[in-house]
Protein backbone atom coordinates (compact mmCIF):
# COMPACT_ATOMS: atom_id res chain seq x y z
CA UNK A 1 4.76 -81.51 33.56
CA UNK A 2 4.94 -78.24 31.64
CA UNK A 3 5.90 -75.01 33.32
CA UNK A 4 4.57 -71.68 32.04
CA UNK A 5 6.82 -68.76 32.70
CA UNK A 6 5.35 -65.24 32.62
CA UNK A 7 7.20 -63.03 35.04
CA UNK A 8 9.91 -62.02 32.55
CA UNK A 9 7.49 -60.94 29.86
CA UNK A 10 6.62 -57.33 29.18
CA UNK A 11 2.98 -57.14 30.17
CA UNK A 12 0.46 -54.46 31.03
CA UNK A 13 1.67 -54.25 34.59
CA UNK A 14 1.53 -51.21 36.84
CA UNK A 15 4.72 -49.24 37.32
CA UNK A 16 6.72 -50.47 40.28
CA UNK A 17 8.35 -48.25 42.89
CA UNK A 18 11.68 -49.29 41.38
CA UNK A 19 10.67 -47.96 37.96
CA UNK A 20 9.46 -44.68 39.44
CA UNK A 21 12.72 -44.35 41.35
CA UNK A 22 14.72 -45.01 38.18
CA UNK A 23 12.75 -42.39 36.22
CA UNK A 24 13.20 -39.86 39.05
CA UNK A 25 16.96 -40.45 39.14
CA UNK A 26 17.20 -40.03 35.38
CA UNK A 27 15.14 -36.82 35.43
CA UNK A 28 17.52 -35.26 37.95
CA UNK A 29 20.44 -35.84 35.58
CA UNK A 30 18.41 -34.68 32.58
CA UNK A 31 17.62 -31.41 34.34
CA UNK A 32 21.26 -30.89 35.31
CA UNK A 33 22.44 -31.32 31.73
CA UNK A 34 19.71 -29.21 30.14
CA UNK A 35 19.59 -26.58 32.90
CA UNK A 36 15.87 -27.24 33.25
CA UNK A 37 13.51 -28.13 36.08
CA UNK A 38 11.10 -30.75 34.76
CA UNK A 39 9.00 -32.61 37.33
CA UNK A 40 6.93 -35.73 36.84
CA UNK A 41 3.28 -34.70 36.92
CA UNK A 42 1.57 -37.84 35.62
CA UNK A 43 2.05 -41.60 35.29
CA UNK A 44 -0.14 -42.33 32.22
CA UNK A 45 0.60 -46.06 32.25
CA UNK A 46 -1.16 -46.34 35.61
CA UNK A 47 -4.29 -44.66 34.24
CA UNK A 48 -4.42 -46.47 30.89
CA UNK A 49 -4.28 -50.22 31.50
CA UNK A 50 -4.25 -51.06 27.77
CA UNK A 51 -0.46 -50.83 27.71
CA UNK A 52 -0.51 -48.09 25.06
CA UNK A 53 0.40 -45.19 27.37
CA UNK A 54 3.92 -44.05 28.18
CA UNK A 55 5.35 -44.37 31.67
CA UNK A 56 5.71 -40.73 32.72
CA UNK A 57 4.98 -37.15 31.69
CA UNK A 58 7.10 -34.40 33.20
CA UNK A 59 6.27 -30.71 32.88
CA UNK A 60 8.06 -27.41 33.03
CA UNK A 61 5.98 -24.34 32.34
CA UNK A 62 4.03 -25.17 29.17
CA UNK A 63 6.36 -27.92 27.96
CA UNK A 64 5.60 -31.62 28.36
CA UNK A 65 8.35 -34.24 28.39
CA UNK A 66 7.31 -37.83 27.66
CA UNK A 67 9.40 -40.62 29.19
CA UNK A 68 9.20 -44.31 28.31
CA UNK A 69 11.34 -46.73 30.33
CA UNK A 70 12.41 -50.30 29.58
CA UNK A 71 15.02 -52.76 30.78
CA UNK A 72 17.85 -53.29 28.31
CA UNK A 73 18.70 -56.96 28.63
CA UNK A 74 22.40 -57.91 28.36
CA UNK A 75 21.46 -60.56 25.80
CA UNK A 76 18.32 -61.74 24.03
CA UNK A 77 15.69 -63.24 26.37
CA UNK A 78 17.86 -62.55 29.42
CA UNK A 79 14.85 -61.98 31.65
CA UNK A 80 13.36 -65.33 30.73
CA UNK A 81 16.65 -67.15 31.18
CA UNK A 82 17.27 -65.42 34.52
CA UNK A 83 13.85 -66.55 35.70
CA UNK A 84 14.52 -70.16 34.71
CA UNK A 85 18.00 -70.05 36.23
CA UNK A 86 16.68 -68.68 39.55
CA UNK A 87 13.97 -71.34 39.69
CA UNK A 88 16.40 -74.21 39.03
CA UNK A 89 20.17 -74.44 39.45
CA UNK A 90 20.48 -70.87 40.77
CA UNK A 91 19.04 -72.17 44.05
CA UNK A 92 22.32 -74.01 44.69
CA UNK A 93 24.48 -70.87 44.64
CA UNK A 94 26.46 -70.49 47.88
CA UNK A 95 24.67 -73.45 49.47
CA UNK A 96 26.68 -74.27 52.64
CA UNK A 97 26.43 -78.05 52.26
CA UNK A 98 28.12 -77.87 48.83
CA UNK A 99 31.17 -75.91 49.99
CA UNK A 100 34.48 -77.77 50.02
CA UNK A 101 37.00 -76.37 52.53
CA UNK A 102 40.16 -74.90 51.01
CA UNK A 103 38.62 -74.67 47.53
CA UNK A 104 36.64 -72.14 45.51
CA UNK A 105 34.36 -73.99 43.11
CA UNK A 106 32.34 -72.43 40.27
CA UNK A 107 29.66 -74.34 38.38
CA UNK A 108 29.15 -72.55 35.05
CA UNK A 109 26.20 -73.24 32.74
CA UNK A 110 25.56 -71.84 29.29
CA UNK A 111 22.77 -69.29 28.89
CA UNK A 112 19.71 -71.14 27.63
CA UNK A 113 20.98 -74.49 28.91
CA UNK A 114 17.64 -75.16 30.62
CA UNK A 115 14.72 -74.72 28.22
CA UNK A 116 11.05 -74.28 29.13
CA UNK A 117 8.62 -77.11 28.65
CA UNK A 118 9.44 -79.69 31.32
CA UNK A 119 9.40 -80.08 35.09
CA UNK A 120 12.07 -77.68 36.36
CA UNK A 121 11.79 -78.97 39.92
CA UNK A 122 13.94 -82.01 39.09
CA UNK A 123 16.93 -80.00 37.84
CA UNK A 124 18.44 -78.63 41.07
CA UNK A 125 18.19 -81.95 43.00
CA UNK A 126 19.77 -83.81 40.07
CA UNK A 127 22.67 -81.35 39.83
CA UNK A 128 23.20 -81.39 43.61
CA UNK A 129 23.14 -85.17 43.77
CA UNK A 130 25.61 -85.51 40.91
CA UNK A 131 27.95 -82.89 42.34
CA UNK A 132 28.02 -84.55 45.76
CA UNK A 133 28.93 -87.84 44.10
CA UNK A 134 31.98 -86.38 42.29
CA UNK A 135 33.06 -83.39 44.37
CA UNK A 136 35.97 -85.19 46.07
CA UNK A 137 37.43 -86.42 42.78
CA UNK A 138 37.07 -83.23 40.72
CA UNK A 139 40.43 -82.04 39.38
CA UNK A 140 41.83 -78.63 40.20
CA UNK A 141 41.38 -76.29 37.26
CA UNK A 142 38.73 -76.34 34.54
CA UNK A 143 36.79 -79.44 33.54
CA UNK A 144 33.62 -80.13 31.58
CA UNK A 145 30.95 -82.68 32.45
CA UNK A 146 27.68 -84.04 31.06
CA UNK A 147 25.09 -84.39 33.82
CA UNK A 148 23.21 -87.70 33.92
CA UNK A 149 19.63 -88.41 34.93
CA UNK A 150 17.92 -85.50 33.14
CA UNK A 151 15.60 -85.44 30.11
CA UNK A 152 17.81 -82.73 28.56
CA UNK A 153 21.47 -82.56 27.64
CA UNK A 154 22.96 -80.41 30.38
CA UNK A 155 26.66 -79.63 30.36
CA UNK A 156 28.46 -77.91 33.22
CA UNK A 157 31.92 -76.40 33.31
CA UNK A 158 33.55 -76.64 36.74
CA UNK A 159 36.35 -74.32 37.79
CA UNK A 160 38.07 -75.50 40.96
CA UNK A 161 40.74 -73.32 42.54
CA UNK A 162 42.77 -73.96 45.68
CA UNK A 163 41.95 -71.29 48.27
CA UNK A 164 43.05 -71.84 51.88
CA UNK A 165 40.13 -71.15 54.18
CA UNK A 166 36.49 -72.12 54.49
CA UNK A 167 36.00 -72.34 50.70
CA UNK A 168 33.26 -71.02 48.43
CA UNK A 169 30.67 -72.49 46.06
CA UNK A 170 29.14 -70.48 43.19
CA UNK A 171 26.67 -71.26 40.41
CA UNK A 172 26.68 -68.89 37.45
CA UNK A 173 25.98 -68.53 33.74
CA UNK A 174 28.42 -67.85 30.94
CA UNK A 175 27.56 -64.87 28.77
CA UNK A 176 26.72 -65.70 25.15
CA UNK A 177 28.81 -64.33 22.31
CA UNK A 178 26.27 -61.87 20.95
CA UNK A 179 26.33 -58.31 19.70
CA UNK A 180 24.16 -55.64 21.31
CA UNK A 181 22.14 -55.14 18.11
CA UNK A 182 19.40 -57.77 18.76
CA UNK A 183 18.88 -56.47 22.30
CA UNK A 184 18.60 -52.83 21.16
CA UNK A 185 16.33 -53.82 18.28
CA UNK A 186 13.98 -55.60 20.68
CA UNK A 187 13.80 -52.56 22.98
CA UNK A 188 13.11 -50.16 20.11
CA UNK A 189 10.47 -52.46 18.63
CA UNK A 190 8.66 -52.71 21.96
CA UNK A 191 8.74 -49.04 22.98
CA UNK A 192 9.10 -46.59 20.10
CA UNK A 193 5.53 -46.69 18.80
CA UNK A 194 3.92 -45.79 22.11
CA UNK A 195 6.52 -43.11 22.81
CA UNK A 196 6.05 -41.45 19.41
CA UNK A 197 2.26 -41.61 19.78
CA UNK A 198 2.34 -39.67 23.06
CA UNK A 199 0.96 -36.12 22.94
CA UNK A 200 4.01 -34.34 24.34
CA UNK A 201 6.51 -31.76 23.13
CA UNK A 202 9.69 -33.75 23.78
CA UNK A 203 10.24 -37.50 23.92
CA UNK A 204 12.90 -39.51 25.76
CA UNK A 205 13.45 -43.27 25.75
CA UNK A 206 15.11 -44.42 28.98
CA UNK A 207 16.98 -47.74 28.82
CA UNK A 208 17.82 -49.36 32.15
CA UNK A 209 21.04 -51.37 32.29
CA UNK A 210 21.35 -53.63 35.34
CA UNK A 211 24.35 -55.72 34.27
CA UNK A 212 27.93 -54.63 33.55
CA UNK A 213 28.79 -56.09 30.12
CA UNK A 214 27.37 -53.49 27.73
CA UNK A 215 29.04 -50.10 27.26
CA UNK A 216 27.22 -46.81 26.71
CA UNK A 217 29.01 -45.98 23.46
CA UNK A 218 28.24 -49.47 22.16
CA UNK A 219 24.53 -48.95 22.85
CA UNK A 220 24.42 -45.52 21.21
CA UNK A 221 26.25 -46.75 18.12
CA UNK A 222 23.86 -49.69 17.79
CA UNK A 223 20.85 -47.35 17.99
CA UNK A 224 22.30 -45.08 15.31
CA UNK A 225 22.94 -48.06 13.03
CA UNK A 226 19.26 -49.02 13.28
CA UNK A 227 17.86 -45.63 12.18
CA UNK A 228 16.95 -47.01 8.77
CA UNK A 229 14.83 -49.74 10.34
CA UNK A 230 13.12 -47.42 12.83
CA UNK A 231 11.88 -44.18 11.20
CA UNK A 232 10.13 -43.42 14.52
CA UNK A 233 13.53 -42.33 15.85
CA UNK A 234 13.10 -39.08 13.91
CA UNK A 235 10.44 -38.13 16.49
CA UNK A 236 12.47 -39.12 19.54
CA UNK A 237 14.56 -36.31 21.00
CA UNK A 238 16.98 -38.30 23.14
CA UNK A 239 17.76 -41.82 24.35
CA UNK A 240 19.38 -42.25 27.75
CA UNK A 241 20.80 -45.22 29.64
CA UNK A 242 20.63 -45.47 33.43
CA UNK A 243 22.94 -47.95 35.15
CA UNK A 244 21.20 -49.56 38.14
CA UNK A 245 23.79 -52.23 38.96
CA UNK A 246 24.69 -50.42 42.20
CA UNK A 247 21.30 -48.83 42.90
CA UNK A 248 20.30 -51.15 45.72
CA UNK A 249 23.64 -51.81 47.46
CA UNK A 250 25.15 -48.34 47.06
CA UNK A 251 22.24 -46.04 46.11
CA UNK A 252 24.17 -45.14 42.96
CA UNK A 253 22.54 -45.01 39.52
CA UNK A 254 24.26 -42.74 36.97
CA UNK A 255 22.49 -41.75 33.74
CA UNK A 256 24.11 -41.23 30.35
CA UNK A 257 22.84 -39.62 27.16
CA UNK A 258 23.72 -42.07 24.35
CA UNK A 259 21.72 -40.89 21.32
CA UNK A 260 21.75 -38.85 19.09
CA UNK A 261 25.49 -39.32 18.88
CA UNK A 262 26.26 -35.59 18.55
CA UNK A 263 24.33 -34.87 21.74
CA UNK A 264 26.01 -37.85 23.39
CA UNK A 265 29.39 -36.26 22.63
CA UNK A 266 28.24 -32.97 24.15
CA UNK A 267 27.05 -34.85 27.22
CA UNK A 268 30.37 -36.69 27.52
CA UNK A 269 32.28 -33.40 27.40
CA UNK A 270 29.88 -31.89 29.94
CA UNK A 271 30.23 -34.90 32.24
CA UNK A 272 34.02 -34.66 32.15
CA UNK A 273 34.13 -31.08 33.32
CA UNK A 274 32.94 -28.87 30.49
CA UNK A 275 29.78 -27.83 32.30
CA UNK A 276 28.30 -25.66 29.60
CA UNK A 277 24.62 -26.41 29.32
CA UNK A 278 23.15 -27.85 26.15
CA UNK A 279 20.57 -25.06 26.13
CA UNK A 280 20.95 -22.62 23.25
CA UNK A 281 19.07 -19.46 22.32
CA UNK A 282 16.69 -20.59 19.59
CA UNK A 283 17.16 -18.96 16.16
CA UNK A 284 13.48 -17.92 16.25
CA UNK A 285 13.96 -16.11 19.55
CA UNK A 286 17.08 -14.38 18.27
CA UNK A 287 15.23 -13.34 15.10
CA UNK A 288 12.31 -12.06 17.16
CA UNK A 289 14.59 -9.94 19.36
CA UNK A 290 16.38 -8.50 16.33
CA UNK A 291 13.26 -7.72 14.32
CA UNK A 292 11.40 -6.34 17.33
CA UNK A 293 14.22 -3.88 17.95
CA UNK A 294 14.07 -2.88 14.28
CA UNK A 295 10.29 -2.46 14.51
CA UNK A 296 10.65 -0.28 17.58
CA UNK A 297 13.19 1.92 15.82
CA UNK A 298 10.85 2.19 12.80
CA UNK A 299 7.99 3.31 15.05
CA UNK A 300 10.20 5.89 16.76
CA UNK A 301 11.38 7.20 13.39
CA UNK A 302 7.81 7.56 12.09
CA UNK A 303 6.62 9.35 15.22
CA UNK A 304 9.60 11.68 15.06
CA UNK A 305 8.88 12.47 11.39
CA UNK A 306 5.25 13.33 12.17
CA UNK A 307 6.31 15.51 15.08
CA UNK A 308 8.69 17.38 12.80
CA UNK A 309 5.87 18.18 10.36
CA UNK A 310 6.64 15.57 7.73
CA UNK A 311 4.07 14.94 5.05
CA UNK A 312 1.41 12.31 5.53
CA UNK A 313 2.89 10.22 2.71
CA UNK A 314 6.29 10.15 4.40
CA UNK A 315 4.78 9.27 7.79
CA UNK A 316 2.63 6.54 6.25
CA UNK A 317 5.65 5.09 4.48
CA UNK A 318 7.50 4.95 7.81
CA UNK A 319 4.43 3.42 9.43
CA UNK A 320 4.13 0.70 6.78
CA UNK A 321 7.76 -0.20 7.25
CA UNK A 322 7.26 -0.31 11.03
CA UNK A 323 4.11 -2.44 10.63
CA UNK A 324 5.91 -4.90 8.34
CA UNK A 325 8.75 -5.25 10.78
CA UNK A 326 6.28 -5.56 13.65
CA UNK A 327 4.42 -8.32 11.83
CA UNK A 328 7.70 -10.16 11.31
CA UNK A 329 8.45 -9.65 14.97
CA UNK A 330 5.10 -11.19 15.91
CA UNK A 331 5.64 -14.24 13.69
CA UNK A 332 9.14 -14.73 15.10
CA UNK A 333 7.75 -14.25 18.60
CA UNK A 334 5.22 -17.03 18.04
CA UNK A 335 8.01 -19.29 16.80
CA UNK A 336 10.11 -18.38 19.83
CA UNK A 337 7.13 -19.16 22.05
CA UNK A 338 6.77 -22.57 20.44
CA UNK A 339 10.45 -23.54 20.68
CA UNK A 340 11.00 -22.03 24.10
CA UNK A 341 7.84 -23.23 25.85
CA UNK A 342 9.81 -25.00 28.57
CA UNK A 343 11.21 -21.63 29.69
CA UNK A 344 8.48 -19.46 31.21
CA UNK A 345 10.59 -16.32 30.90
CA UNK A 346 10.91 -16.78 27.13
CA UNK A 347 7.19 -17.52 26.83
CA UNK A 348 6.28 -14.27 28.60
CA UNK A 349 8.91 -12.35 26.65
CA UNK A 350 7.61 -13.66 23.32
CA UNK A 351 3.96 -12.94 24.10
CA UNK A 352 4.51 -9.49 25.60
CA UNK A 353 6.99 -8.48 22.91
CA UNK A 354 4.84 -9.66 20.01
CA UNK A 355 1.61 -8.14 21.33
CA UNK A 356 3.40 -4.95 22.36
CA UNK A 357 4.93 -4.52 18.90
CA UNK A 358 1.59 -4.89 17.17
CA UNK A 359 -0.11 -2.52 19.62
CA UNK A 360 2.58 0.08 19.04
CA UNK A 361 2.12 -0.23 15.29
CA UNK A 362 -1.66 0.17 15.57
CA UNK A 363 -1.26 3.20 17.82
CA UNK A 364 1.19 4.78 15.40
CA UNK A 365 -1.17 4.21 12.45
CA UNK A 366 -4.00 5.91 14.32
CA UNK A 367 -1.73 8.80 15.26
CA UNK A 368 -0.55 9.32 11.67
CA UNK A 369 -4.11 9.19 10.32
CA UNK A 370 -5.23 11.83 12.87
CA UNK A 371 -2.36 14.10 11.85
CA UNK A 372 -3.33 13.89 8.20
CA UNK A 373 -7.04 14.44 8.83
């Protein structure tokens, strides 16, 4: 009898409360690091059931932050293997009838030991029956055994340790010897296209890690090594990892910025006590402030020259200089508006400053023309 397994697969499924909680926790940390106040305003994936929409859009002022979340498996096809394990031999974990007093016993199976394609329901009873037949004769220490009575070759490693007391019985899997690269590649392949296609100003890929083995630096380095294979990364602003191992038992889920690597280093320094925000005054805003001041001074100089009886040619020359500087101020203001759209104060400052500079220049031109008339 064949068994079709679907629950581990990435499908067009609605966001769960867990996923929304994870995104909310991440956004809190993101705001702390960037000194911002983004809030989730939409869950596009719930509105677009084609699976092409990102998970969340957060807004602050005029800026939109796109967030795409995925589970980073500790090894390739971990979700599928976990599903098979839970449906078969995982059912025997901590089973009271299998506990031997005064001993801790671990049954360890390789990842992928139970493949799809046959009747899983026979596996757990076969393992339990075999174990009960040999449990009293198992040696203390580590031993390896081939289980009989199954249509597959199933090997189990048993670790038996003397432990005065009621005893314990555990069933677990051994982690495969595998680098993080295939896991990261799979996540990027599945999520980057939809994230890059989102109509937002900033894009973040959020990787959820719910098992201990993989380190944050290891993940970031693997992503950086794959840049040549994923040109879409050029349009992704940041990649974060949220650790949810202790989310349920302890309500603890820290988030870490892992890519780009230079930002990850800034985040690491910030996390360890250097609490300077990553926010910087944009070069465009700085240029706008500088040029606007120069334009203002040019306007003042031209007005002063007219008031002192200067010739029309001199006043016009001063006006043209002021207008040129004002135009530059407007262009820089627009650039500052674009780069600083997540800060409402900078948006207002750019608009008011740019429009005010142009208005002052127009007024000055009219005033000079009336003097010369």
